[in-house]
Each structure stands twice: as C-alpha cells, then as structure tokens.
PDB file of N, CA and C in Angstrom:
ATOM      1  N   MET A   1     -11.355  -8.569   2.763  1.00  0.00           N
ATOM      2  CA  MET A   1     -10.319  -8.805   3.731  1.00  0.00           C
ATOM      3  C   MET A   1     -10.852  -9.766   4.779  1.00  0.00           C
ATOM      4  N   GLY A   2     -10.065 -10.748   5.124  1.00  0.00           N
ATOM      5  CA  GLY A   2     -10.480 -11.738   6.107  1.00  0.00           C
ATOM      6  C   GLY A   2     -10.355 -11.219   7.520  1.00  0.00           C
ATOM      7  N   MET A   3     -10.670 -12.079   8.449  1.00  0.00           N
ATOM      8  CA  MET A   3     -10.571 -11.728   9.865  1.00  0.00           C
ATOM      9  C   MET A   3      -9.108 -11.602  10.273  1.00  0.00           C
ATOM     10  N   LEU A   4      -8.831 -10.659  11.145  1.00  0.00           N
ATOM     11  CA  LEU A   4      -7.477 -10.462  11.640  1.00  0.00           C
ATOM     12  C   LEU A   4      -7.225 -11.373  12.828  1.00  0.00           C
ATOM     13  N   SER A   5      -6.002 -11.867  12.903  1.00  0.00           N
ATOM     14  CA  SER A   5      -5.630 -12.675  14.060  1.00  0.00           C
ATOM     15  C   SER A   5      -5.405 -11.760  15.256  1.00  0.00           C
ATOM     16  N   LYS A   6      -5.315 -12.347  16.431  1.00  0.00           N
ATOM     17  CA  LYS A   6      -5.067 -11.563  17.643  1.00  0.00           C
ATOM     18  C   LYS A   6      -3.741 -10.818  17.532  1.00  0.00           C
ATOM     19  N   LYS A   7      -2.733 -11.497  16.981  1.00  0.00           N
ATOM     20  CA  LYS A   7      -1.408 -10.884  16.825  1.00  0.00           C
ATOM     21  C   LYS A   7      -1.476  -9.684  15.873  1.00  0.00           C
ATOM     22  N   GLU A   8      -2.217  -9.820  14.774  1.00  0.00           N
ATOM     23  CA  GLU A   8      -2.357  -8.726  13.808  1.00  0.00           C
ATOM     24  C   GLU A   8      -3.090  -7.536  14.434  1.00  0.00           C
ATOM     25  N   LYS A   9      -4.120  -7.823  15.221  1.00  0.00           N
ATOM     26  CA  LYS A   9      -4.863  -6.749  15.889  1.00  0.00           C
ATOM     27  C   LYS A   9      -3.962  -5.991  16.862  1.00  0.00           C
ATOM     28  N   GLU A  10      -3.149  -6.741  17.610  1.00  0.00           N
ATOM     29  CA  GLU A  10      -2.232  -6.113  18.557  1.00  0.00           C
ATOM     30  C   GLU A  10      -1.207  -5.245  17.832  1.00  0.00           C
ATOM     31  N   GLU A  11      -0.719  -5.744  16.692  1.00  0.00           N
ATOM     32  CA  GLU A  11       0.259  -4.988  15.906  1.00  0.00           C
ATOM     33  C   GLU A  11      -0.349  -3.686  15.376  1.00  0.00           C
ATOM     34  N   LEU A  12      -1.567  -3.761  14.862  1.00  0.00           N
ATOM     35  CA  LEU A  12      -2.237  -2.563  14.352  1.00  0.00           C
ATOM     36  C   LEU A  12      -2.506  -1.558  15.470  1.00  0.00           C
ATOM     37  N   LEU A  13      -2.896  -2.052  16.629  1.00  0.00           N
ATOM     38  CA  LEU A  13      -3.132  -1.172  17.763  1.00  0.00           C
ATOM     39  C   LEU A  13      -1.845  -0.469  18.173  1.00  0.00           C
ATOM     40  N   LYS A  14      -0.747  -1.214  18.193  1.00  0.00           N
ATOM     41  CA  LYS A  14       0.552  -0.636  18.538  1.00  0.00           C
ATOM     42  C   LYS A  14       0.952   0.421  17.504  1.00  0.00           C
ATOM     43  N   LEU A  15       0.779   0.107  16.226  1.00  0.00           N
ATOM     44  CA  LEU A  15       1.127   1.062  15.169  1.00  0.00           C
ATOM     45  C   LEU A  15       0.272   2.317  15.233  1.00  0.00           C
ATOM     46  N   SER A  16      -0.989   2.160  15.609  1.00  0.00           N
ATOM     47  CA  SER A  16      -1.889   3.322  15.661  1.00  0.00           C
ATOM     48  C   SER A  16      -1.448   4.336  16.716  1.00  0.00           C
ATOM     49  N   LYS A  17      -0.663   3.900  17.685  1.00  0.00           N
ATOM     50  CA  LYS A  17      -0.194   4.795  18.746  1.00  0.00           C
ATOM     51  C   LYS A  17       1.165   5.417  18.434  1.00  0.00           C
ATOM     52  N   SER A  18       1.732   5.064  17.281  1.00  0.00           N
ATOM     53  CA  SER A  18       3.062   5.549  16.923  1.00  0.00           C
ATOM     54  C   SER A  18       2.999   6.975  16.384  1.00  0.00           C
ATOM     55  N   LEU A  19       3.558   7.893  17.123  1.00  0.00           N
ATOM     56  CA  LEU A  19       3.605   9.294  16.689  1.00  0.00           C
ATOM     57  C   LEU A  19       4.429   9.437  15.415  1.00  0.00           C
ATOM     58  N   LYS A  20       5.529   8.718  15.331  1.00  0.00           N
ATOM     59  CA  LYS A  20       6.404   8.790  14.154  1.00  0.00           C
ATOM     60  C   LYS A  20       5.655   8.343  12.899  1.00  0.00           C
ATOM     61  N   LEU A  21       4.903   7.256  13.008  1.00  0.00           N
ATOM     62  CA  LEU A  21       4.144   6.774  11.854  1.00  0.00           C
ATOM     63  C   LEU A  21       3.091   7.796  11.426  1.00  0.00           C
ATOM     64  N   ARG A  22       2.424   8.399  12.392  1.00  0.00           N
ATOM     65  CA  ARG A  22       1.428   9.429  12.076  1.00  0.00           C
ATOM     66  C   ARG A  22       2.080  10.621  11.384  1.00  0.00           C
ATOM     67  N   GLU A  23       3.255  11.018  11.879  1.00  0.00           N
ATOM     68  CA  GLU A  23       3.980  12.125  11.256  1.00  0.00           C
ATOM     69  C   GLU A  23       4.379  11.775   9.824  1.00  0.00           C
ATOM     70  N   ASP A  24       4.839  10.549   9.619  1.00  0.00           N
ATOM     71  CA  ASP A  24       5.231  10.116   8.280  1.00  0.00           C
ATOM     72  C   ASP A  24       4.055  10.166   7.309  1.00  0.00           C
ATOM     73  N   PHE A  25       2.892   9.693   7.755  1.00  0.00           N
ATOM     74  CA  PHE A  25       1.714   9.729   6.887  1.00  0.00           C
ATOM     75  C   PHE A  25       1.265  11.175   6.628  1.00  0.00           C
ATOM     76  N   GLN A  26       1.370  12.022   7.637  1.00  0.00           N
ATOM     77  CA  GLN A  26       1.002  13.433   7.450  1.00  0.00           C
ATOM     78  C   GLN A  26       1.957  14.097   6.463  1.00  0.00           C
ATOM     79  N   ASN A  27       3.258  13.810   6.583  1.00  0.00           N
ATOM     80  CA  ASN A  27       4.237  14.359   5.640  1.00  0.00           C
ATOM     81  C   ASN A  27       3.966  13.874   4.226  1.00  0.00           C
ATOM     82  N   THR A  28       3.624  12.608   4.094  1.00  0.00           N
ATOM     83  CA  THR A  28       3.312  12.056   2.769  1.00  0.00           C
ATOM     84  C   THR A  28       2.105  12.769   2.171  1.00  0.00           C
ATOM     85  N   LYS A  29       1.076  12.978   2.978  1.00  0.00           N
ATOM     86  CA  LYS A  29      -0.122  13.670   2.495  1.00  0.00           C
ATOM     87  C   LYS A  29       0.199  15.106   2.096  1.00  0.00           C
ATOM     88  N   THR A  30       0.931  15.812   2.962  1.00  0.00           N
ATOM     89  CA  THR A  30       1.281  17.213   2.694  1.00  0.00           C
ATOM     90  C   THR A  30       2.108  17.321   1.422  1.00  0.00           C
ATOM     91  N   ASN A  31       3.104  16.461   1.295  1.00  0.00           N
ATOM     92  CA  ASN A  31       3.969  16.514   0.119  1.00  0.00           C
ATOM     93  C   ASN A  31       3.217  16.164  -1.159  1.00  0.00           C
ATOM     94  N   SER A  32       2.279  15.244  -1.063  1.00  0.00           N
ATOM     95  CA  SER A  32       1.550  14.855  -2.274  1.00  0.00           C
ATOM     96  C   SER A  32       0.609  15.958  -2.736  1.00  0.00           C
ATOM     97  N   LEU A  33       0.133  16.771  -1.811  1.00  0.00           N
ATOM     98  CA  LEU A  33      -0.798  17.838  -2.176  1.00  0.00           C
ATOM     99  C   LEU A  33      -0.094  19.113  -2.624  1.00  0.00           C
ATOM    100  N   SER A  34       1.151  19.312  -2.198  1.00  0.00           N
ATOM    101  CA  SER A  34       1.813  20.577  -2.488  1.00  0.00           C
ATOM    102  C   SER A  34       2.685  20.544  -3.744  1.00  0.00           C
ATOM    103  N   LYS A  35       2.993  19.378  -4.269  1.00  0.00           N
ATOM    104  CA  LYS A  35       3.890  19.275  -5.421  1.00  0.00           C
ATOM    105  C   LYS A  35       3.074  19.287  -6.723  1.00  0.00           C
ATOM    106  N   LYS A  36       3.505  20.119  -7.639  1.00  0.00           N
ATOM    107  CA  LYS A  36       2.847  20.162  -8.944  1.00  0.00           C
ATOM    108  C   LYS A  36       3.831  19.786 -10.045  1.00  0.00           C
ATOM    109  N   GLU A  37       5.007  19.352  -9.640  1.00  0.00           N
ATOM    110  CA  GLU A  37       6.011  18.967 -10.623  1.00  0.00           C
ATOM    111  C   GLU A  37       5.774  17.532 -11.090  1.00  0.00           C
ATOM    112  N   LYS A  38       6.405  17.178 -12.182  1.00  0.00           N
ATOM    113  CA  LYS A  38       6.266  15.824 -12.697  1.00  0.00           C
ATOM    114  C   LYS A  38       6.974  14.841 -11.772  1.00  0.00           C
ATOM    115  N   ILE A  39       6.401  13.669 -11.659  1.00  0.00           N
ATOM    116  CA  ILE A  39       6.945  12.630 -10.785  1.00  0.00           C
ATOM    117  C   ILE A  39       7.962  11.794 -11.553  1.00  0.00           C
ATOM    118  N   ASN A  40       9.090  11.536 -10.902  1.00  0.00           N
ATOM    119  CA  ASN A  40      10.104  10.666 -11.480  1.00  0.00           C
ATOM    120  C   ASN A  40       9.578   9.232 -11.396  1.00  0.00           C
ATOM    121  N   LEU A  41       9.491   8.543 -12.530  1.00  0.00           N
ATOM    122  CA  LEU A  41       8.915   7.212 -12.581  1.00  0.00           C
ATOM    123  C   LEU A  41       9.682   6.209 -11.723  1.00  0.00           C
ATOM    124  N   ASP A  42      11.011   6.279 -11.728  1.00  0.00           N
ATOM    125  CA  ASP A  42      11.809   5.361 -10.915  1.00  0.00           C
ATOM    126  C   ASP A  42      11.518   5.552  -9.423  1.00  0.00           C
ATOM    127  N   ASP A  43      11.402   6.801  -8.997  1.00  0.00           N
ATOM    128  CA  ASP A  43      11.090   7.074  -7.589  1.00  0.00           C
ATOM    129  C   ASP A  43       9.692   6.580  -7.241  1.00  0.00           C
ATOM    130  N   TYR A  44       8.755   6.743  -8.159  1.00  0.00           N
ATOM    131  CA  TYR A  44       7.382   6.293  -7.921  1.00  0.00           C
ATOM    132  C   TYR A  44       7.329   4.774  -7.786  1.00  0.00           C
ATOM    133  N   ILE A  45       8.028   4.068  -8.649  1.00  0.00           N
ATOM    134  CA  ILE A  45       8.059   2.601  -8.580  1.00  0.00           C
ATOM    135  C   ILE A  45       8.729   2.156  -7.278  1.00  0.00           C
ATOM    136  N   LYS A  46       9.786   2.840  -6.883  1.00  0.00           N
ATOM    137  CA  LYS A  46      10.455   2.522  -5.620  1.00  0.00           C
ATOM    138  C   LYS A  46       9.489   2.737  -4.449  1.00  0.00           C
ATOM    139  N   PHE A  47       8.724   3.832  -4.489  1.00  0.00           N
ATOM    140  CA  PHE A  47       7.737   4.118  -3.450  1.00  0.00           C
ATOM    141  C   PHE A  47       6.685   3.012  -3.388  1.00  0.00           C
ATOM    142  N   LEU A  48       6.167   2.612  -4.544  1.00  0.00           N
ATOM    143  CA  LEU A  48       5.151   1.564  -4.571  1.00  0.00           C
ATOM    144  C   LEU A  48       5.703   0.238  -4.058  1.00  0.00           C
ATOM    145  N   THR A  49       6.941  -0.074  -4.395  1.00  0.00           N
ATOM    146  CA  THR A  49       7.565  -1.306  -3.939  1.00  0.00           C
ATOM    147  C   THR A  49       7.689  -1.322  -2.419  1.00  0.00           C
ATOM    148  N   ILE A  50       8.134  -0.215  -1.849  1.00  0.00           N
ATOM    149  CA  ILE A  50       8.288  -0.130  -0.391  1.00  0.00           C
ATOM    150  C   ILE A  50       6.918  -0.179   0.286  1.00  0.00           C
ATOM    151  N   THR A  51       5.947   0.543  -0.265  1.00  0.00           N
ATOM    152  CA  THR A  51       4.607   0.544   0.307  1.00  0.00           C
ATOM    153  C   THR A  51       4.003  -0.853   0.273  1.00  0.00           C
ATOM    154  N   ASN A  52       4.190  -1.554  -0.827  1.00  0.00           N
ATOM    155  CA  ASN A  52       3.665  -2.907  -0.950  1.00  0.00           C
ATOM    156  C   ASN A  52       4.291  -3.825   0.087  1.00  0.00           C
ATOM    157  N   ALA A  53       5.596  -3.656   0.334  1.00  0.00           N
ATOM    158  CA  ALA A  53       6.273  -4.469   1.349  1.00  0.00           C
ATOM    159  C   ALA A  53       5.716  -4.164   2.733  1.00  0.00           C
ATOM    160  N   LEU A  54       5.404  -2.897   2.999  1.00  0.00           N
ATOM    161  CA  LEU A  54       4.873  -2.517   4.309  1.00  0.00           C
ATOM    162  C   LEU A  54       3.491  -3.108   4.558  1.00  0.00           C
ATOM    163  N   ILE A  55       2.646  -3.112   3.538  1.00  0.00           N
ATOM    164  CA  ILE A  55       1.295  -3.626   3.734  1.00  0.00           C
ATOM    165  C   ILE A  55       1.202  -5.120   3.472  1.00  0.00           C
ATOM    166  N   ASP A  56       2.312  -5.709   3.061  1.00  0.00           N
ATOM    167  CA  ASP A  56       2.395  -7.152   2.838  1.00  0.00           C
ATOM    168  C   ASP A  56       1.297  -7.627   1.884  1.00  0.00           C
ATOM    169  N   ASN A  57       1.176  -6.933   0.781  1.00  0.00           N
ATOM    170  CA  ASN A  57       0.174  -7.267  -0.220  1.00  0.00           C
ATOM    171  C   ASN A  57       0.763  -8.274  -1.196  1.00  0.00           C
ATOM    172  N   ARG A  58       0.629  -9.532  -0.859  1.00  0.00           N
ATOM    173  CA  ARG A  58       1.206 -10.579  -1.707  1.00  0.00           C
ATOM    174  C   ARG A  58       0.378 -10.741  -2.979  1.00  0.00           C
ATOM    175  N   PRO A  59       1.055 -10.845  -4.125  1.00  0.00           N
ATOM    176  CA  PRO A  59       0.305 -11.019  -5.369  1.00  0.00           C
ATOM    177  C   PRO A  59      -0.414 -12.359  -5.395  1.00  0.00           C
ATOM    178  N   LYS A  60      -1.569 -12.351  -6.015  1.00  0.00           N
ATOM    179  CA  LYS A  60      -2.340 -13.580  -6.154  1.00  0.00           C
ATOM    180  C   LYS A  60      -1.752 -14.398  -7.306  1.00  0.00           C
ATOM    181  N   PRO A  61      -1.845 -15.710  -7.203  1.00  0.00           N
ATOM    182  CA  PRO A  61      -1.310 -16.529  -8.288  1.00  0.00           C
ATOM    183  C   PRO A  61      -2.066 -16.269  -9.596  1.00  0.00           C
ATOM    184  N   PHE A  62      -1.331 -16.315 -10.680  1.00  0.00           N
ATOM    185  CA  PHE A  62      -1.915 -16.072 -11.992  1.00  0.00           C
ATOM    186  C   PHE A  62      -2.853 -17.206 -12.361  1.00  0.00           C
ATOM    187  N   LYS A  63      -4.039 -16.852 -12.823  1.00  0.00           N
ATOM    188  CA  LYS A  63      -4.999 -17.848 -13.304  1.00  0.00           C
ATOM    189  C   LYS A  63      -5.291 -17.530 -14.751  1.00  0.00           C
ATOM    190  N   LYS A  64      -4.997 -18.468 -15.614  1.00  0.00           N
ATOM    191  CA  LYS A  64      -5.211 -18.270 -17.037  1.00  0.00           C
ATOM    192  C   LYS A  64      -6.729 -18.215 -17.303  1.00  0.00           C
ATOM    193  N   ILE A  65      -7.120 -17.230 -18.080  1.00  0.00           N
ATOM    194  CA  ILE A  65      -8.510 -17.083 -18.470  1.00  0.00           C
ATOM    195  C   ILE A  65      -8.695 -17.762 -19.814  1.00  0.00           C
ATOM    196  N   GLU A  66      -9.594 -18.693 -19.837  1.00  0.00           N
ATOM    197  CA  GLU A  66      -9.831 -19.428 -21.076  1.00  0.00           C
ATOM    198  C   GLU A  66     -11.229 -19.118 -21.599  1.00  0.00           C
ATOM    199  N   GLY A  67     -11.366 -19.213 -22.903  1.00  0.00           N
ATOM    200  CA  GLY A  67     -12.645 -18.947 -23.529  1.00  0.00           C
ATOM    201  C   GLY A  67     -12.491 -17.939 -24.642  1.00  0.00           C
ATOM    202  N   ASP A  68     -13.591 -17.618 -25.299  1.00  0.00           N
ATOM    203  CA  ASP A  68     -13.528 -16.664 -26.395  1.00  0.00           C
ATOM    204  C   ASP A  68     -14.696 -15.675 -26.381  1.00  0.00           C
ATOM    205  N   ASN A  69     -15.500 -15.691 -25.325  1.00  0.00           N
ATOM    206  CA  ASN A  69     -16.632 -14.793 -25.242  1.00  0.00           C
ATOM    207  C   ASN A  69     -16.588 -14.080 -23.898  1.00  0.00           C
ATOM    208  N   PHE A  70     -16.090 -12.833 -23.903  1.00  0.00           N
ATOM    209  CA  PHE A  70     -15.899 -12.088 -22.673  1.00  0.00           C
ATOM    210  C   PHE A  70     -16.681 -10.779 -22.712  1.00  0.00           C
ATOM    211  N   ALA A  71     -17.234 -10.407 -21.586  1.00  0.00           N
ATOM    212  CA  ALA A  71     -17.935  -9.124 -21.475  1.00  0.00           C
ATOM    213  C   ALA A  71     -17.236  -8.286 -20.427  1.00  0.00           C
ATOM    214  N   ILE A  72     -17.089  -7.017 -20.712  1.00  0.00           N
ATOM    215  CA  ILE A  72     -16.443  -6.114 -19.751  1.00  0.00           C
ATOM    216  C   ILE A  72     -17.487  -5.281 -19.073  1.00  0.00           C
TER     217      ILE A  72
END
C-alpha cells in the first residue's frame, strides 16, 4: 500500500470516530461468528461487491502471461 494523502488520512481519522461504523463492524463480526447456516451465494456476492466499493479496491489491469515454463 502506498502513502496516504492528507485528505485520505483525514477521512480515515473521521471514520475511526464514527460510532455507527464501529457498531456496523461489530454487528458484522457477531453475525459472522454466530451463524452456522449455509450462506446464500447471491447475498455473499452482493456483500463482496458493496465491500469492494467501500474500500475502493480497483482491479488491476489484466497482464497476459506468456511463456511455457512456470513454477508455482
């Protein structure tokens, strides 16, 4: 992760003081630990989509891998 701009630091500081955001994260943690039922795939994908939008995780451009000798 690169260096944060002054504006980004201010935004994170403001968010860290949000009681509502803290409650939301606590509810998410509590709900994830207490449920033993199967997860609905559509709801999970919707959750991931919203979470990705919140963290602004932009996908990296696709880079084609060329060659024929790969090690994992």
